[in-house]
Protein backbone atom coordinates (compact mmCIF):
# COMPACT_ATOMS: atom_id res chain seq x y z
CA MET A 1 -7.23 -9.96 -3.93
CA GLN A 2 -8.79 -8.24 -0.93
CA ILE A 3 -6.97 -5.16 0.38
CA ALA A 4 -7.41 -3.34 3.68
CA VAL A 5 -6.65 0.39 3.47
CA LEU A 6 -6.20 1.24 7.15
CA THR A 7 -7.80 4.63 7.77
CA PHE A 8 -7.97 6.39 11.13
CA ASP A 9 -9.48 9.62 12.46
CA GLY A 10 -7.49 12.57 11.12
CA PHE A 11 -6.47 10.60 8.02
CA ASN A 12 -4.89 12.16 4.95
CA GLU A 13 -7.35 11.83 2.05
CA LEU A 14 -4.58 11.52 -0.55
CA ASP A 15 -3.14 8.47 1.18
CA SER A 16 -6.34 6.47 1.56
CA PHE A 17 -8.40 7.54 -1.43
CA VAL A 18 -5.76 7.77 -4.18
CA ALA A 19 -4.27 4.37 -3.39
CA ALA A 20 -7.71 2.76 -3.06
CA ALA A 21 -8.89 4.26 -6.35
CA ILE A 22 -5.85 3.00 -8.26
CA LEU A 23 -6.06 -0.46 -6.71
CA ASN A 24 -9.74 -0.67 -7.55
CA ARG A 25 -8.87 -0.40 -11.22
CA MET A 26 -8.25 -4.14 -10.72
CA LYS A 27 -11.90 -4.89 -9.90
CA PRO A 28 -12.44 -6.82 -13.16
CA GLN A 29 -9.73 -9.23 -11.94
CA GLY A 30 -11.51 -9.72 -8.61
CA TRP A 31 -9.56 -7.16 -6.54
CA LYS A 32 -11.21 -4.88 -4.00
CA ALA A 33 -9.66 -2.19 -1.78
CA HIS A 34 -11.70 -1.51 1.37
CA ILE A 35 -11.53 1.54 3.64
CA THR A 36 -10.79 -0.22 6.91
CA ALA A 37 -11.16 1.59 10.23
CA PRO A 38 -11.41 0.97 13.99
CA THR A 39 -14.72 2.88 14.20
CA GLU A 40 -17.82 2.92 12.01
CA GLN A 41 -16.98 6.43 10.80
CA VAL A 42 -13.70 8.32 10.50
CA THR A 43 -13.12 12.00 9.75
CA SER A 44 -10.17 13.20 7.69
CA MET A 45 -7.71 15.96 8.55
CA ASN A 46 -9.82 18.27 6.36
CA GLY A 47 -13.19 17.33 7.84
CA VAL A 48 -14.37 14.69 5.35
CA THR A 49 -16.33 11.99 7.20
CA VAL A 50 -16.63 8.54 5.64
CA ALA A 51 -18.18 5.25 6.69
CA ARG A 52 -15.79 2.36 6.93
CA GLN A 53 -16.22 -0.60 4.61
CA ARG A 54 -14.51 -3.08 6.91
CA PRO A 55 -13.58 -3.13 10.63
CA ILE A 56 -9.92 -2.91 11.63
CA GLU A 57 -9.82 -6.66 12.35
CA PHE A 58 -10.28 -7.26 8.60
CA ALA A 59 -6.56 -6.49 8.22
CA ALA A 60 -5.75 -9.94 9.60
CA GLU A 61 -7.61 -11.75 6.81
CA ALA A 62 -6.85 -9.38 3.91
CA ASP A 63 -4.38 -10.42 1.23
CA ALA A 64 -2.74 -7.00 1.36
CA VAL A 65 -2.74 -4.02 3.73
CA LEU A 66 -1.96 -0.33 3.22
CA ILE A 67 -1.47 2.06 6.14
CA GLY A 68 -1.92 5.75 5.38
CA SER A 69 -0.96 8.77 7.43
CA GLY A 70 -2.86 11.41 9.38
CA ILE A 71 -2.66 14.10 12.00
CA ARG A 72 -3.35 11.67 14.87
CA THR A 73 -0.82 8.96 13.99
CA ARG A 74 1.36 9.61 17.04
CA GLU A 75 -1.67 9.09 19.30
CA ILE A 76 -2.51 5.87 17.51
CA ALA A 77 1.10 4.66 17.75
CA ALA A 78 0.93 5.14 21.52
CA ASP A 79 -2.37 3.25 21.87
CA ALA A 80 -1.35 -0.33 22.64
CA GLY A 81 -4.98 -1.43 22.79
CA LEU A 82 -5.69 -0.23 19.26
CA LEU A 83 -2.43 -1.59 17.88
CA SER A 84 -3.22 -5.00 19.37
CA ARG A 85 -6.27 -5.15 17.08
CA ILE A 86 -4.06 -4.89 13.98
CA ARG A 87 -2.72 -8.34 13.10
CA LEU A 88 -0.43 -8.48 10.09
CA ASP A 89 1.56 -11.34 8.57
CA PRO A 90 4.41 -10.30 6.23
CA GLU A 91 4.92 -13.91 5.15
CA ARG A 92 1.42 -14.10 3.71
CA GLN A 93 0.44 -10.49 3.03
CA LEU A 94 1.74 -7.56 1.01
CA ILE A 95 2.04 -4.67 3.46
CA GLY A 96 2.65 -1.00 2.63
CA ALA A 97 2.77 2.19 4.66
CA GLN A 98 2.97 5.82 3.71
CA CYS A 99 4.34 8.87 5.54
CA SER A 100 3.44 8.64 9.26
CA GLY A 101 1.98 5.20 8.56
CA THR A 102 5.62 4.07 8.65
CA LEU A 103 5.59 4.92 12.36
CA LEU A 104 2.74 2.46 12.88
CA LEU A 105 4.66 -0.23 10.99
CA ALA A 106 7.61 0.37 13.29
CA ARG A 107 5.41 0.08 16.38
CA LEU A 108 3.96 -3.16 15.01
CA GLY A 109 7.48 -4.57 14.73
CA LEU A 110 7.48 -4.85 10.94
CA ILE A 111 10.48 -2.67 10.10
CA GLY A 112 13.19 -3.41 12.64
CA SER A 113 16.59 -2.27 11.35
CA LEU A 114 15.50 -2.07 7.71
CA PRO A 115 15.71 1.36 6.02
CA ALA A 116 12.32 2.96 5.36
CA CYS A 117 10.65 5.98 3.74
CA THR A 118 8.40 8.61 5.31
CA ASP A 119 7.48 12.27 4.84
CA LEU A 120 9.61 15.13 6.15
CA MET A 121 7.23 16.04 8.99
CA SER A 122 7.02 12.46 10.27
CA LYS A 123 10.75 11.78 9.85
CA PRO A 124 11.80 12.76 13.41
CA TRP A 125 9.09 10.55 14.94
CA VAL A 126 10.08 7.57 12.78
CA ILE A 127 13.75 8.03 13.60
CA GLU A 128 12.83 8.26 17.28
CA ALA A 129 11.15 4.86 16.89
CA GLY A 130 14.53 3.44 15.87
CA VAL A 131 14.05 3.35 12.11
CA GLU A 132 16.69 4.35 9.57
CA VAL A 133 14.93 6.84 7.27
CA ILE A 134 16.25 7.21 3.73
CA ASP A 135 15.78 10.12 1.32
CA ALA A 136 13.68 8.29 -1.26
CA PRO A 137 10.03 8.12 -2.32
CA PHE A 138 9.72 4.34 -2.08
CA VAL A 139 11.52 1.28 -0.77
CA ALA A 140 10.50 -2.35 -0.29
CA HIS A 141 11.99 -5.27 1.58
CA GLY A 142 10.32 -8.52 0.60
CA ASN A 143 6.59 -8.10 1.23
CA VAL A 144 6.87 -4.85 3.21
CA ALA A 145 7.07 -1.45 1.49
CA THR A 146 7.15 2.17 2.68
CA ALA A 147 6.68 5.43 0.81
CA GLY A 148 7.22 9.10 1.61
CA GLY A 149 5.07 12.03 0.44
CA CYS A 150 1.33 12.23 -0.18
CA LEU A 151 1.51 11.53 -3.91
CA ALA A 152 3.77 8.53 -3.31
CA SER A 153 0.52 6.61 -2.80
CA GLN A 154 0.70 5.88 -6.54
CA TYR A 155 3.97 4.02 -5.97
CA LEU A 156 2.51 1.82 -3.26
CA ALA A 157 -0.42 1.00 -5.56
CA THR A 158 1.94 0.30 -8.48
CA TRP A 159 4.09 -2.02 -6.36
CA MET A 160 1.10 -3.86 -4.94
CA ILE A 161 -0.47 -4.49 -8.35
CA ALA A 162 2.87 -5.52 -9.86
CA ARG A 163 3.46 -7.96 -7.02
CA GLY A 164 -0.09 -9.30 -6.84
CA ALA A 165 -0.83 -9.40 -10.58
CA SER A 166 1.67 -8.13 -13.16
CA LEU A 167 3.69 -5.10 -14.09
CA ALA A 168 1.50 -4.74 -17.18
CA ASP A 169 -1.58 -4.42 -14.96
CA ALA A 170 0.18 -1.86 -12.77
CA GLU A 171 1.10 0.22 -15.81
CA ASP A 172 -2.46 0.11 -17.08
CA ALA A 173 -3.81 1.33 -13.74
CA ILE A 174 -1.37 4.25 -13.58
CA ALA A 175 -1.96 5.14 -17.24
CA TYR A 176 -5.70 5.33 -16.60
CA VAL A 177 -5.40 7.90 -13.79
CA ALA A 178 -2.48 9.87 -15.24
CA PRO A 179 -3.08 13.28 -16.90
CA VAL A 180 -3.79 13.31 -20.61
CA GLY A 181 -0.65 14.01 -22.58
CA GLU A 182 1.57 12.84 -19.72
CA LYS A 183 0.54 9.20 -19.40
CA ALA A 184 3.76 7.65 -20.70
CA ARG A 185 5.82 9.88 -18.38
CA TYR A 186 3.73 8.97 -15.33
CA VAL A 187 3.92 5.26 -16.15
CA GLU A 188 7.70 5.42 -16.56
CA GLN A 189 8.10 7.39 -13.32
CA ALA A 190 6.06 4.88 -11.33
CA ARG A 191 7.89 1.97 -12.89
CA SER A 192 11.27 3.52 -12.13
CA ALA A 193 10.31 3.94 -8.47
CA VAL A 194 9.22 0.35 -7.88
CA ALA A 195 11.08 -1.74 -10.48
CA PRO A 196 14.25 -2.20 -8.37
CA PHE A 197 12.08 -3.91 -5.75
CA LEU A 198 10.23 -6.30 -8.06
CA GLY A 199 12.67 -9.13 -7.59
CA GLU A 200 12.58 -12.88 -7.91
CA GLY A 201 9.39 -14.34 -6.50
CA SER A 202 7.17 -11.49 -7.68
CA ALA A 203 4.18 -12.17 -9.89
CA ILE A 204 5.52 -9.70 -12.45
CA ALA A 205 6.87 -10.33 -15.91
CA ALA A 206 9.51 -7.89 -17.15
CA ARG A 207 8.69 -5.92 -20.27
CA SER A 208 10.90 -3.98 -22.62
CA GLU A 209 11.38 -0.22 -22.22
CA GLY A 210 9.69 0.44 -25.56
CA ALA A 211 6.42 -1.10 -24.39
CA PHE A 212 5.63 1.53 -21.77
CA ALA A 213 4.30 4.18 -24.17
CA SER A 214 1.52 1.78 -25.21
CA SER A 215 0.15 1.49 -21.65
CA SER A 216 -2.29 4.36 -21.95
CA ARG A 217 -3.72 3.03 -25.20
CA ARG A 218 -4.09 -0.46 -23.79
CA ALA A 219 -5.70 0.87 -20.60
CA MET A 220 -8.47 2.54 -22.60
CA SER A 221 -9.11 -0.39 -24.92
CA ARG A 222 -8.86 -3.37 -22.56
CA ARG A 223 -12.03 -5.44 -22.49
CA PRO A 224 -13.54 -6.12 -19.05
CA ILE A 225 -12.54 -9.44 -17.50
CA GLU A 226 -15.18 -11.55 -15.80
CA LYS A 227 -14.82 -11.49 -12.02
CA PRO A 228 -13.72 -14.86 -10.59
CA PRO A 229 -15.94 -16.78 -8.15
CA ALA A 230 -16.04 -15.62 -4.54
CA SER A 231 -14.47 -18.85 -3.30
CA ARG A 232 -10.71 -18.60 -3.75
CA SER A 233 -7.55 -19.90 -2.22
CA ARG A 234 -5.65 -17.67 0.18
CA CYS A 235 -2.96 -15.59 -1.54
CA ARG A 236 0.60 -16.12 -0.40
CA PHE A 237 3.52 -14.05 -1.58
CA SER A 238 7.20 -14.87 -1.74
CA THR A 239 8.92 -12.65 0.80
CA GLY A 240 12.32 -12.30 -0.85
CA SER A 241 14.38 -10.69 1.90
CA ASN A 242 12.23 -11.35 4.93
CA PRO A 243 11.07 -8.44 7.10
CA PRO A 244 11.06 -8.96 10.84
CA ARG A 245 8.21 -10.88 12.45
CA PRO A 246 5.64 -8.61 14.15
CA GLU A 247 5.76 -8.26 17.92
CA ARG A 248 2.69 -8.81 20.09
CA LEU A 249 1.51 -5.65 21.75
CA GLY A 250 -0.69 -4.96 24.74
CA GLY A 251 -0.47 -8.54 25.95
CA ALA A 252 -2.92 -9.66 23.24
């Protein structure tokens, strides 16, 4: 599965890098999360400059898309030309947004009247865009998910892996990055946040509560899986409760 992590100037490092790192734990299964940006280089809110791995148009062909936050999100949300370059399809793709990234989802017409999550600073802007903001770290409606708070990036990654692969794979990824001595607690916390939204049509298989403590051991002992061939069929995910269709912006 190919994932576009949309990253703009002024981006929050925790949003883009943490989610990408967790998702890239799935590399042996052929997954790859790409830093995807409108320019060849982008600089974070703390002055870290990185080269993009894919152009912003890659979002249209990716199997999944994550939109992080940043200090310039309101400018981006008002830039119809830039938004017109972002083509998303919630019937085919898994789409997630975090903090002020929820504002971009709203401007792209992917939230509508559905309740969504964001951070406390971005909340007034998201409400102003007509979105009902709920006091929760994570929520998903079909193939579209939102999260609030920098460290909620782990929940978006957990949900995306559980939907695109399995809950077992998601647990392994979280167990790998979790602090030593707290792995079972981190796995359970991530599972509790996303499990209510892993409904019928997901690629997940439910597991018993007692199995979670073994995730950290399995994550360390799992043998590498050979990467599948580059030629693959296009992923398509069951939408469950369908999010609204995106609106066309800027006349494009």
